[in-house]
Amino acid sequence: MNDRSAYLARARSFNSHLVMRLHEGIKHSSLFAQQLRACREMWMRNARAAYWAQNPTKGHH
């Protein structure tokens, strides 16, 4: 019984640690996703501009 309660306490602390890490990871990943989205939009804009510069006649009907 004592081993079991010790195991449960350890498991509970480990779970809370995991949850904390998960929340930190979610915070960081959402920030990372925002940066990634901004980079991708910028890249798409640049790529589109470069494409139109190379192919000025396409799509201008």
PDB file of N, CA and C in Angstrom:
ATOM      1  N   MET A   1       0.837  -1.200   0.000  1.00  0.00           N
ATOM      2  CA  MET A   1       0.000   0.000   0.000  1.00  0.00           C
ATOM      3  C   MET A   1       0.874   1.253   0.000  1.00  0.00           C
ATOM      4  N   ASN A   2       1.942   1.211   0.782  1.00  0.00           N
ATOM      5  CA  ASN A   2       2.846   2.359   0.837  1.00  0.00           C
ATOM      6  C   ASN A   2       3.546   2.543  -0.510  1.00  0.00           C
ATOM      7  N   ASP A   3       3.970   1.436  -1.112  1.00  0.00           N
ATOM      8  CA  ASP A   3       4.609   1.511  -2.424  1.00  0.00           C
ATOM      9  C   ASP A   3       3.650   2.108  -3.451  1.00  0.00           C
ATOM     10  N   ARG A   4       2.410   1.674  -3.340  1.00  0.00           N
ATOM     11  CA  ARG A   4       1.401   2.146  -4.288  1.00  0.00           C
ATOM     12  C   ARG A   4       1.176   3.650  -4.157  1.00  0.00           C
ATOM     13  N   SER A   5       1.073   4.146  -2.932  1.00  0.00           N
ATOM     14  CA  SER A   5       0.844   5.582  -2.742  1.00  0.00           C
ATOM     15  C   SER A   5       2.063   6.377  -3.210  1.00  0.00           C
ATOM     16  N   ALA A   6       3.259   5.831  -2.965  1.00  0.00           N
ATOM     17  CA  ALA A   6       4.474   6.502  -3.432  1.00  0.00           C
ATOM     18  C   ALA A   6       4.494   6.538  -4.958  1.00  0.00           C
ATOM     19  N   TYR A   7       4.091   5.419  -5.568  1.00  0.00           N
ATOM     20  CA  TYR A   7       4.046   5.345  -7.024  1.00  0.00           C
ATOM     21  C   TYR A   7       3.039   6.350  -7.579  1.00  0.00           C
ATOM     22  N   LEU A   8       1.868   6.425  -6.918  1.00  0.00           N
ATOM     23  CA  LEU A   8       0.842   7.367  -7.366  1.00  0.00           C
ATOM     24  C   LEU A   8       1.320   8.807  -7.238  1.00  0.00           C
ATOM     25  N   ALA A   9       1.996   9.111  -6.136  1.00  0.00           N
ATOM     26  CA  ALA A   9       2.509  10.470  -5.938  1.00  0.00           C
ATOM     27  C   ALA A   9       3.526  10.805  -7.023  1.00  0.00           C
ATOM     28  N   ARG A  10       4.392   9.837  -7.322  1.00  0.00           N
ATOM     29  CA  ARG A  10       5.400  10.059  -8.357  1.00  0.00           C
ATOM     30  C   ARG A  10       4.722  10.250  -9.712  1.00  0.00           C
ATOM     31  N   ALA A  11       3.737   9.405  -9.985  1.00  0.00           N
ATOM     32  CA  ALA A  11       3.025   9.499 -11.259  1.00  0.00           C
ATOM     33  C   ALA A  11       2.304  10.839 -11.372  1.00  0.00           C
ATOM     34  N   ARG A  12       1.718  11.292 -10.253  1.00  0.00           N
ATOM     35  CA  ARG A  12       0.984  12.561 -10.271  1.00  0.00           C
ATOM     36  C   ARG A  12       1.939  13.726 -10.538  1.00  0.00           C
ATOM     37  N   SER A  13       3.086  13.720  -9.866  1.00  0.00           N
ATOM     38  CA  SER A  13       4.046  14.807 -10.070  1.00  0.00           C
ATOM     39  C   SER A  13       4.578  14.760 -11.501  1.00  0.00           C
ATOM     40  N   PHE A  14       4.790  13.547 -12.014  1.00  0.00           N
ATOM     41  CA  PHE A  14       5.276  13.408 -13.385  1.00  0.00           C
ATOM     42  C   PHE A  14       4.230  13.924 -14.368  1.00  0.00           C
ATOM     43  N   ASN A  15       2.958  13.603 -14.104  1.00  0.00           N
ATOM     44  CA  ASN A  15       1.879  14.071 -14.972  1.00  0.00           C
ATOM     45  C   ASN A  15       1.787  15.590 -14.971  1.00  0.00           C
ATOM     46  N   SER A  16       1.878  16.194 -13.781  1.00  0.00           N
ATOM     47  CA  SER A  16       1.795  17.652 -13.713  1.00  0.00           C
ATOM     48  C   SER A  16       2.981  18.274 -14.447  1.00  0.00           C
ATOM     49  N   HIS A  17       4.148  17.627 -14.333  1.00  0.00           N
ATOM     50  CA  HIS A  17       5.335  18.087 -15.048  1.00  0.00           C
ATOM     51  C   HIS A  17       5.091  18.015 -16.558  1.00  0.00           C
ATOM     52  N   LEU A  18       4.514  16.897 -16.996  1.00  0.00           N
ATOM     53  CA  LEU A  18       4.215  16.732 -18.420  1.00  0.00           C
ATOM     54  C   LEU A  18       3.230  17.784 -18.909  1.00  0.00           C
ATOM     55  N   VAL A  19       2.188  18.019 -18.115  1.00  0.00           N
ATOM     56  CA  VAL A  19       1.173  19.003 -18.497  1.00  0.00           C
ATOM     57  C   VAL A  19       1.794  20.391 -18.604  1.00  0.00           C
ATOM     58  N   MET A  20       2.662  20.709 -17.635  1.00  0.00           N
ATOM     59  CA  MET A  20       3.347  21.995 -17.662  1.00  0.00           C
ATOM     60  C   MET A  20       4.186  22.116 -18.936  1.00  0.00           C
ATOM     61  N   ARG A  21       4.951  21.070 -19.218  1.00  0.00           N
ATOM     62  CA  ARG A  21       5.772  21.062 -20.427  1.00  0.00           C
ATOM     63  C   ARG A  21       4.913  21.192 -21.677  1.00  0.00           C
ATOM     64  N   LEU A  22       3.773  20.506 -21.660  1.00  0.00           N
ATOM     65  CA  LEU A  22       2.879  20.541 -22.811  1.00  0.00           C
ATOM     66  C   LEU A  22       2.359  21.952 -23.048  1.00  0.00           C
ATOM     67  N   HIS A  23       1.962  22.620 -21.955  1.00  0.00           N
ATOM     68  CA  HIS A  23       1.467  23.990 -22.088  1.00  0.00           C
ATOM     69  C   HIS A  23       2.569  24.914 -22.599  1.00  0.00           C
ATOM     70  N   GLU A  24       3.791  24.747 -22.090  1.00  0.00           N
ATOM     71  CA  GLU A  24       4.911  25.553 -22.582  1.00  0.00           C
ATOM     72  C   GLU A  24       5.117  25.297 -24.064  1.00  0.00           C
ATOM     73  N   GLY A  25       5.066  24.010 -24.441  1.00  0.00           N
ATOM     74  CA  GLY A  25       5.265  23.638 -25.838  1.00  0.00           C
ATOM     75  C   GLY A  25       4.197  24.235 -26.733  1.00  0.00           C
ATOM     76  N   ILE A  26       2.951  24.236 -26.242  1.00  0.00           N
ATOM     77  CA  ILE A  26       1.855  24.810 -27.019  1.00  0.00           C
ATOM     78  C   ILE A  26       2.070  26.306 -27.202  1.00  0.00           C
ATOM     79  N   LYS A  27       2.503  26.970 -26.136  1.00  0.00           N
ATOM     80  CA  LYS A  27       2.772  28.402 -26.221  1.00  0.00           C
ATOM     81  C   LYS A  27       3.857  28.662 -27.267  1.00  0.00           C
ATOM     82  N   HIS A  28       4.956  27.906 -27.157  1.00  0.00           N
ATOM     83  CA  HIS A  28       6.073  28.102 -28.072  1.00  0.00           C
ATOM     84  C   HIS A  28       5.670  27.750 -29.498  1.00  0.00           C
ATOM     85  N   SER A  29       4.930  26.655 -29.661  1.00  0.00           N
ATOM     86  CA  SER A  29       4.592  26.216 -31.006  1.00  0.00           C
ATOM     87  C   SER A  29       3.615  27.178 -31.671  1.00  0.00           C
ATOM     88  N   SER A  30       2.719  27.793 -30.887  1.00  0.00           N
ATOM     89  CA  SER A  30       1.801  28.756 -31.486  1.00  0.00           C
ATOM     90  C   SER A  30       2.574  29.991 -31.936  1.00  0.00           C
ATOM     91  N   LEU A  31       3.534  30.408 -31.128  1.00  0.00           N
ATOM     92  CA  LEU A  31       4.395  31.525 -31.505  1.00  0.00           C
ATOM     93  C   LEU A  31       5.181  31.157 -32.762  1.00  0.00           C
ATOM     94  N   PHE A  32       5.725  29.936 -32.770  1.00  0.00           N
ATOM     95  CA  PHE A  32       6.484  29.443 -33.913  1.00  0.00           C
ATOM     96  C   PHE A  32       5.602  29.375 -35.154  1.00  0.00           C
ATOM     97  N   ALA A  33       4.352  28.937 -34.969  1.00  0.00           N
ATOM     98  CA  ALA A  33       3.426  28.841 -36.095  1.00  0.00           C
ATOM     99  C   ALA A  33       3.129  30.221 -36.671  1.00  0.00           C
ATOM    100  N   GLN A  34       2.977  31.212 -35.802  1.00  0.00           N
ATOM    101  CA  GLN A  34       2.738  32.584 -36.275  1.00  0.00           C
ATOM    102  C   GLN A  34       3.922  33.071 -37.100  1.00  0.00           C
ATOM    103  N   GLN A  35       5.141  32.844 -36.585  1.00  0.00           N
ATOM    104  CA  GLN A  35       6.337  33.263 -37.307  1.00  0.00           C
ATOM    105  C   GLN A  35       6.428  32.539 -38.642  1.00  0.00           C
ATOM    106  N   LEU A  36       6.126  31.219 -38.606  1.00  0.00           N
ATOM    107  CA  LEU A  36       6.199  30.411 -39.813  1.00  0.00           C
ATOM    108  C   LEU A  36       5.191  30.903 -40.847  1.00  0.00           C
ATOM    109  N   ARG A  37       3.977  31.241 -40.375  1.00  0.00           N
ATOM    110  CA  ARG A  37       2.938  31.722 -41.281  1.00  0.00           C
ATOM    111  C   ARG A  37       3.361  33.043 -41.909  1.00  0.00           C
ATOM    112  N   ALA A  38       3.934  33.929 -41.095  1.00  0.00           N
ATOM    113  CA  ALA A  38       4.393  35.220 -41.609  1.00  0.00           C
ATOM    114  C   ALA A  38       5.487  35.013 -42.648  1.00  0.00           C
ATOM    115  N   CYS A  39       6.415  34.109 -42.346  1.00  0.00           N
ATOM    116  CA  CYS A  39       7.499  33.815 -43.288  1.00  0.00           C
ATOM    117  C   CYS A  39       6.939  33.250 -44.581  1.00  0.00           C
ATOM    118  N   ARG A  40       5.958  32.358 -44.444  1.00  0.00           N
ATOM    119  CA  ARG A  40       5.411  31.721 -45.638  1.00  0.00           C
ATOM    120  C   ARG A  40       4.667  32.720 -46.498  1.00  0.00           C
ATOM    121  N   GLU A  41       3.912  33.625 -45.861  1.00  0.00           N
ATOM    122  CA  GLU A  41       3.195  34.645 -46.625  1.00  0.00           C
ATOM    123  C   GLU A  41       4.174  35.539 -47.369  1.00  0.00           C
ATOM    124  N   MET A  42       5.245  35.927 -46.667  1.00  0.00           N
ATOM    125  CA  MET A  42       6.257  36.767 -47.288  1.00  0.00           C
ATOM    126  C   MET A  42       6.904  36.027 -48.460  1.00  0.00           C
ATOM    127  N   TRP A  43       7.206  34.734 -48.229  1.00  0.00           N
ATOM    128  CA  TRP A  43       7.847  33.931 -49.266  1.00  0.00           C
ATOM    129  C   TRP A  43       6.935  33.777 -50.472  1.00  0.00           C
ATOM    130  N   MET A  44       5.641  33.533 -50.206  1.00  0.00           N
ATOM    131  CA  MET A  44       4.683  33.382 -51.301  1.00  0.00           C
ATOM    132  C   MET A  44       4.579  34.673 -52.104  1.00  0.00           C
ATOM    133  N   ARG A  45       4.571  35.801 -51.393  1.00  0.00           N
ATOM    134  CA  ARG A  45       4.481  37.092 -52.072  1.00  0.00           C
ATOM    135  C   ARG A  45       5.706  37.298 -52.963  1.00  0.00           C
ATOM    136  N   ASN A  46       6.886  36.993 -52.406  1.00  0.00           N
ATOM    137  CA  ASN A  46       8.118  37.140 -53.180  1.00  0.00           C
ATOM    138  C   ASN A  46       8.129  36.198 -54.372  1.00  0.00           C
ATOM    139  N   ALA A  47       7.688  34.955 -54.142  1.00  0.00           N
ATOM    140  CA  ALA A  47       7.677  33.967 -55.218  1.00  0.00           C
ATOM    141  C   ALA A  47       6.717  34.395 -56.322  1.00  0.00           C
ATOM    142  N   ARG A  48       5.557  34.918 -55.935  1.00  0.00           N
ATOM    143  CA  ARG A  48       4.580  35.359 -56.924  1.00  0.00           C
ATOM    144  C   ARG A  48       5.127  36.548 -57.709  1.00  0.00           C
ATOM    145  N   ALA A  49       5.773  37.473 -57.000  1.00  0.00           N
ATOM    146  CA  ALA A  49       6.354  38.643 -57.670  1.00  0.00           C
ATOM    147  C   ALA A  49       7.432  38.202 -58.651  1.00  0.00           C
ATOM    148  N   ALA A  50       8.264  37.249 -58.218  1.00  0.00           N
ATOM    149  CA  ALA A  50       9.322  36.753 -59.098  1.00  0.00           C
ATOM    150  C   ALA A  50       8.714  36.043 -60.303  1.00  0.00           C
ATOM    151  N   TYR A  51       7.629  35.288 -60.066  1.00  0.00           N
ATOM    152  CA  TYR A  51       6.970  34.575 -61.158  1.00  0.00           C
ATOM    153  C   TYR A  51       6.403  35.547 -62.176  1.00  0.00           C
ATOM    154  N   TRP A  52       5.729  36.602 -61.700  1.00  0.00           N
ATOM    155  CA  TRP A  52       5.164  37.578 -62.629  1.00  0.00           C
ATOM    156  C   TRP A  52       6.267  38.343 -63.349  1.00  0.00           C
ATOM    157  N   ALA A  53       7.404  38.547 -62.674  1.00  0.00           N
ATOM    158  CA  ALA A  53       8.526  39.229 -63.323  1.00  0.00           C
ATOM    159  C   ALA A  53       9.082  38.368 -64.456  1.00  0.00           C
ATOM    160  N   GLN A  54       9.087  37.054 -64.240  1.00  0.00           N
ATOM    161  CA  GLN A  54       9.621  36.152 -65.268  1.00  0.00           C
ATOM    162  C   GLN A  54       8.601  35.897 -66.372  1.00  0.00           C
ATOM    163  N   ASN A  55       7.314  35.859 -66.020  1.00  0.00           N
ATOM    164  CA  ASN A  55       6.265  35.548 -66.989  1.00  0.00           C
ATOM    165  C   ASN A  55       5.244  36.684 -67.030  1.00  0.00           C
ATOM    166  N   PRO A  56       5.597  37.799 -67.623  1.00  0.00           N
ATOM    167  CA  PRO A  56       4.709  38.966 -67.578  1.00  0.00           C
ATOM    168  C   PRO A  56       3.432  38.785 -68.386  1.00  0.00           C
ATOM    169  N   THR A  57       3.435  37.874 -69.375  1.00  0.00           N
ATOM    170  CA  THR A  57       2.262  37.748 -70.246  1.00  0.00           C
ATOM    171  C   THR A  57       1.227  36.791 -69.680  1.00  0.00           C
ATOM    172  N   LYS A  58       1.612  35.893 -68.771  1.00  0.00           N
ATOM    173  CA  LYS A  58       0.681  34.871 -68.272  1.00  0.00           C
ATOM    174  C   LYS A  58      -0.343  35.469 -67.315  1.00  0.00           C
ATOM    175  N   GLY A  59      -1.594  35.089 -67.498  1.00  0.00           N
ATOM    176  CA  GLY A  59      -2.638  35.469 -66.564  1.00  0.00           C
ATOM    177  C   GLY A  59      -3.123  36.891 -66.728  1.00  0.00           C
ATOM    178  N   HIS A  60      -2.639  37.608 -67.721  1.00  0.00           N
ATOM    179  CA  HIS A  60      -3.067  38.997 -67.900  1.00  0.00           C
ATOM    180  C   HIS A  60      -3.990  39.112 -69.102  1.00  0.00           C
ATOM    181  N   HIS A  61      -4.988  38.241 -69.146  1.00  0.00           N
ATOM    182  CA  HIS A  61      -5.917  38.286 -70.270  1.00  0.00           C
ATOM    183  C   HIS A  61      -6.933  39.398 -70.042  1.00  0.00           C
TER     184      HIS A  61
END
